[in-house]
């Protein structure tokens, strides 16, 4: 019997999940998307943000802070 903890992390996130992952609000995430700092993909009607894009946001902010 498998549990949710056995599942691999998702490769892409819906907007609310991406906000939680980054610890930011919807408006902030949409601003990052609008400026091109975060790229999205569409699958059907869903807008998804690849996990790598979220990591890129963190990495780029760390470089600026250094």
N, C-alpha and C. Protein backbone atom coordinates (compact mmCIF):
# COMPACT_ATOMS: atom_id res chain seq x y z
N UNK A 1 0.85 -1.18 0.00
CA UNK A 1 0.00 0.00 0.00
C UNK A 1 0.89 1.24 0.00
N UNK A 2 0.68 2.13 -0.97
CA UNK A 2 1.50 3.33 -1.03
C UNK A 2 0.75 4.50 -0.42
N UNK A 3 1.53 5.44 0.05
CA UNK A 3 0.95 6.65 0.61
C UNK A 3 1.34 7.84 -0.25
N UNK A 4 0.78 8.98 0.03
CA UNK A 4 1.11 10.19 -0.73
C UNK A 4 2.59 10.54 -0.59
N UNK A 5 3.21 10.12 0.49
CA UNK A 5 4.63 10.42 0.71
C UNK A 5 5.53 9.60 -0.20
N UNK A 6 5.00 8.52 -0.77
CA UNK A 6 5.77 7.69 -1.68
C UNK A 6 5.79 8.25 -3.10
N UNK A 7 4.92 9.20 -3.40
CA UNK A 7 4.82 9.75 -4.74
C UNK A 7 5.94 10.75 -4.99
N UNK A 8 6.47 10.75 -6.22
CA UNK A 8 7.49 11.76 -6.53
C UNK A 8 6.87 13.16 -6.55
N UNK A 9 7.70 14.16 -6.33
CA UNK A 9 7.23 15.54 -6.38
C UNK A 9 6.74 15.86 -7.79
N UNK A 10 5.70 16.67 -7.93
CA UNK A 10 5.21 17.02 -9.26
C UNK A 10 6.25 17.80 -10.05
N UNK A 11 6.24 17.62 -11.35
CA UNK A 11 7.16 18.35 -12.23
C UNK A 11 6.67 19.75 -12.52
N UNK A 12 5.36 19.98 -12.37
CA UNK A 12 4.78 21.30 -12.62
C UNK A 12 3.64 21.51 -11.62
N UNK A 13 3.38 22.79 -11.35
CA UNK A 13 2.40 23.15 -10.32
C UNK A 13 1.34 24.08 -10.87
N UNK A 14 0.11 23.93 -10.35
CA UNK A 14 -0.94 24.90 -10.63
C UNK A 14 -0.59 26.20 -9.90
N UNK A 15 -1.22 27.28 -10.29
CA UNK A 15 -0.92 28.61 -9.73
C UNK A 15 -0.99 28.61 -8.19
N UNK A 16 -2.07 28.13 -7.58
CA UNK A 16 -2.11 28.17 -6.10
C UNK A 16 -0.98 27.37 -5.45
N UNK A 17 -0.64 26.23 -6.05
CA UNK A 17 0.43 25.40 -5.49
C UNK A 17 1.79 26.08 -5.66
N UNK A 18 2.00 26.73 -6.79
CA UNK A 18 3.25 27.46 -7.02
C UNK A 18 3.39 28.61 -6.02
N UNK A 19 2.28 29.29 -5.74
CA UNK A 19 2.31 30.37 -4.75
C UNK A 19 2.73 29.83 -3.39
N UNK A 20 2.17 28.70 -3.00
CA UNK A 20 2.53 28.09 -1.72
C UNK A 20 4.00 27.68 -1.70
N UNK A 21 4.46 27.11 -2.81
CA UNK A 21 5.86 26.66 -2.88
C UNK A 21 6.82 27.84 -2.69
N UNK A 22 6.47 28.98 -3.29
CA UNK A 22 7.34 30.15 -3.19
C UNK A 22 7.05 31.00 -1.96
N UNK A 23 5.88 30.81 -1.36
CA UNK A 23 5.52 31.61 -0.20
C UNK A 23 5.12 33.02 -0.57
N UNK A 24 4.53 33.18 -1.77
CA UNK A 24 4.10 34.50 -2.24
C UNK A 24 2.63 34.44 -2.61
N UNK A 25 2.04 35.62 -2.81
CA UNK A 25 0.64 35.70 -3.19
C UNK A 25 0.46 35.59 -4.70
N UNK A 26 -0.80 35.44 -5.09
CA UNK A 26 -1.15 35.32 -6.51
C UNK A 26 -0.69 36.51 -7.33
N UNK A 27 -0.92 37.70 -6.82
CA UNK A 27 -0.53 38.90 -7.56
C UNK A 27 0.96 38.93 -7.83
N UNK A 28 1.74 38.56 -6.83
CA UNK A 28 3.19 38.54 -7.00
C UNK A 28 3.60 37.51 -8.05
N UNK A 29 2.98 36.34 -8.03
CA UNK A 29 3.31 35.32 -9.01
C UNK A 29 2.91 35.77 -10.41
N UNK A 30 1.73 36.34 -10.54
CA UNK A 30 1.31 36.82 -11.87
C UNK A 30 2.22 37.93 -12.37
N UNK A 31 2.77 38.74 -11.49
CA UNK A 31 3.73 39.77 -11.90
C UNK A 31 5.02 39.12 -12.42
N UNK A 32 5.49 38.08 -11.74
CA UNK A 32 6.67 37.36 -12.22
C UNK A 32 6.42 36.73 -13.59
N UNK A 33 5.21 36.23 -13.80
CA UNK A 33 4.84 35.66 -15.10
C UNK A 33 4.79 36.76 -16.15
N UNK A 34 4.16 37.89 -15.81
CA UNK A 34 4.01 39.00 -16.75
C UNK A 34 5.36 39.54 -17.22
N UNK A 35 6.32 39.61 -16.30
CA UNK A 35 7.63 40.16 -16.64
C UNK A 35 8.54 39.13 -17.30
N UNK A 36 8.10 37.89 -17.38
CA UNK A 36 8.90 36.84 -18.02
C UNK A 36 9.88 36.16 -17.10
N UNK A 37 9.86 36.52 -15.83
CA UNK A 37 10.78 35.89 -14.88
C UNK A 37 10.38 34.44 -14.61
N UNK A 38 9.08 34.15 -14.74
CA UNK A 38 8.58 32.79 -14.59
C UNK A 38 7.83 32.43 -15.86
N UNK A 39 8.24 31.31 -16.46
CA UNK A 39 7.55 30.83 -17.67
C UNK A 39 6.50 29.80 -17.27
N UNK A 40 5.44 29.75 -18.03
CA UNK A 40 4.35 28.80 -17.77
C UNK A 40 4.19 27.88 -18.97
N UNK A 41 3.48 26.78 -18.72
CA UNK A 41 3.07 25.89 -19.81
C UNK A 41 1.57 25.70 -19.70
N UNK A 42 0.94 25.42 -20.82
CA UNK A 42 -0.50 25.15 -20.84
C UNK A 42 -0.69 23.69 -21.18
N UNK A 43 -1.49 23.01 -20.40
CA UNK A 43 -1.93 21.66 -20.71
C UNK A 43 -3.44 21.69 -20.60
N UNK A 44 -4.09 21.59 -21.75
CA UNK A 44 -5.53 21.79 -21.78
C UNK A 44 -5.82 23.22 -21.36
N UNK A 45 -6.72 23.38 -20.42
CA UNK A 45 -7.05 24.72 -19.94
C UNK A 45 -6.23 25.12 -18.72
N UNK A 46 -5.39 24.22 -18.25
CA UNK A 46 -4.60 24.51 -17.06
C UNK A 46 -3.30 25.24 -17.38
N UNK A 47 -3.00 26.22 -16.57
CA UNK A 47 -1.71 26.89 -16.63
C UNK A 47 -0.85 26.28 -15.54
N UNK A 48 0.29 25.77 -15.93
CA UNK A 48 1.19 25.12 -14.98
C UNK A 48 2.55 25.80 -15.00
N UNK A 49 3.21 25.74 -13.86
CA UNK A 49 4.54 26.31 -13.73
C UNK A 49 5.50 25.17 -13.40
N UNK A 50 6.46 24.94 -14.29
CA UNK A 50 7.43 23.87 -14.02
C UNK A 50 8.20 24.12 -12.73
N UNK A 51 8.49 23.06 -12.03
CA UNK A 51 9.26 23.15 -10.78
C UNK A 51 10.58 23.88 -11.01
N UNK A 52 11.21 23.65 -12.14
CA UNK A 52 12.49 24.31 -12.44
C UNK A 52 12.34 25.83 -12.46
N UNK A 53 11.20 26.34 -12.92
CA UNK A 53 10.97 27.78 -12.94
C UNK A 53 10.91 28.34 -11.52
N UNK A 54 10.31 27.60 -10.61
CA UNK A 54 10.24 28.05 -9.22
C UNK A 54 11.64 28.08 -8.62
N UNK A 55 12.43 27.05 -8.92
CA UNK A 55 13.80 27.02 -8.41
C UNK A 55 14.63 28.16 -9.01
N UNK A 56 14.38 28.49 -10.28
CA UNK A 56 15.09 29.61 -10.92
C UNK A 56 14.81 30.93 -10.22
N UNK A 57 13.57 31.14 -9.78
CA UNK A 57 13.22 32.36 -9.05
C UNK A 57 14.06 32.46 -7.78
N UNK A 58 14.12 31.37 -7.05
CA UNK A 58 14.89 31.36 -5.81
C UNK A 58 16.37 31.60 -6.11
N UNK A 59 16.90 30.88 -7.09
CA UNK A 59 18.33 31.01 -7.43
C UNK A 59 18.67 32.44 -7.86
N UNK A 60 17.82 33.04 -8.68
CA UNK A 60 18.12 34.39 -9.15
C UNK A 60 18.07 35.40 -8.01
N UNK A 61 17.16 35.22 -7.07
CA UNK A 61 17.07 36.13 -5.92
C UNK A 61 18.27 35.96 -5.00
N UNK A 62 18.76 34.73 -4.88
CA UNK A 62 19.94 34.51 -4.06
C UNK A 62 21.17 35.15 -4.67
N UNK A 63 21.28 35.13 -5.98
CA UNK A 63 22.41 35.76 -6.64
C UNK A 63 22.40 37.27 -6.47
N UNK A 64 21.22 37.87 -6.54
CA UNK A 64 21.10 39.31 -6.34
C UNK A 64 21.46 39.69 -4.92
N UNK A 65 21.08 38.83 -3.96
CA UNK A 65 21.32 39.12 -2.54
C UNK A 65 22.79 38.95 -2.16
N UNK A 66 23.53 38.22 -2.97
CA UNK A 66 24.94 37.92 -2.62
C UNK A 66 25.86 39.09 -2.90
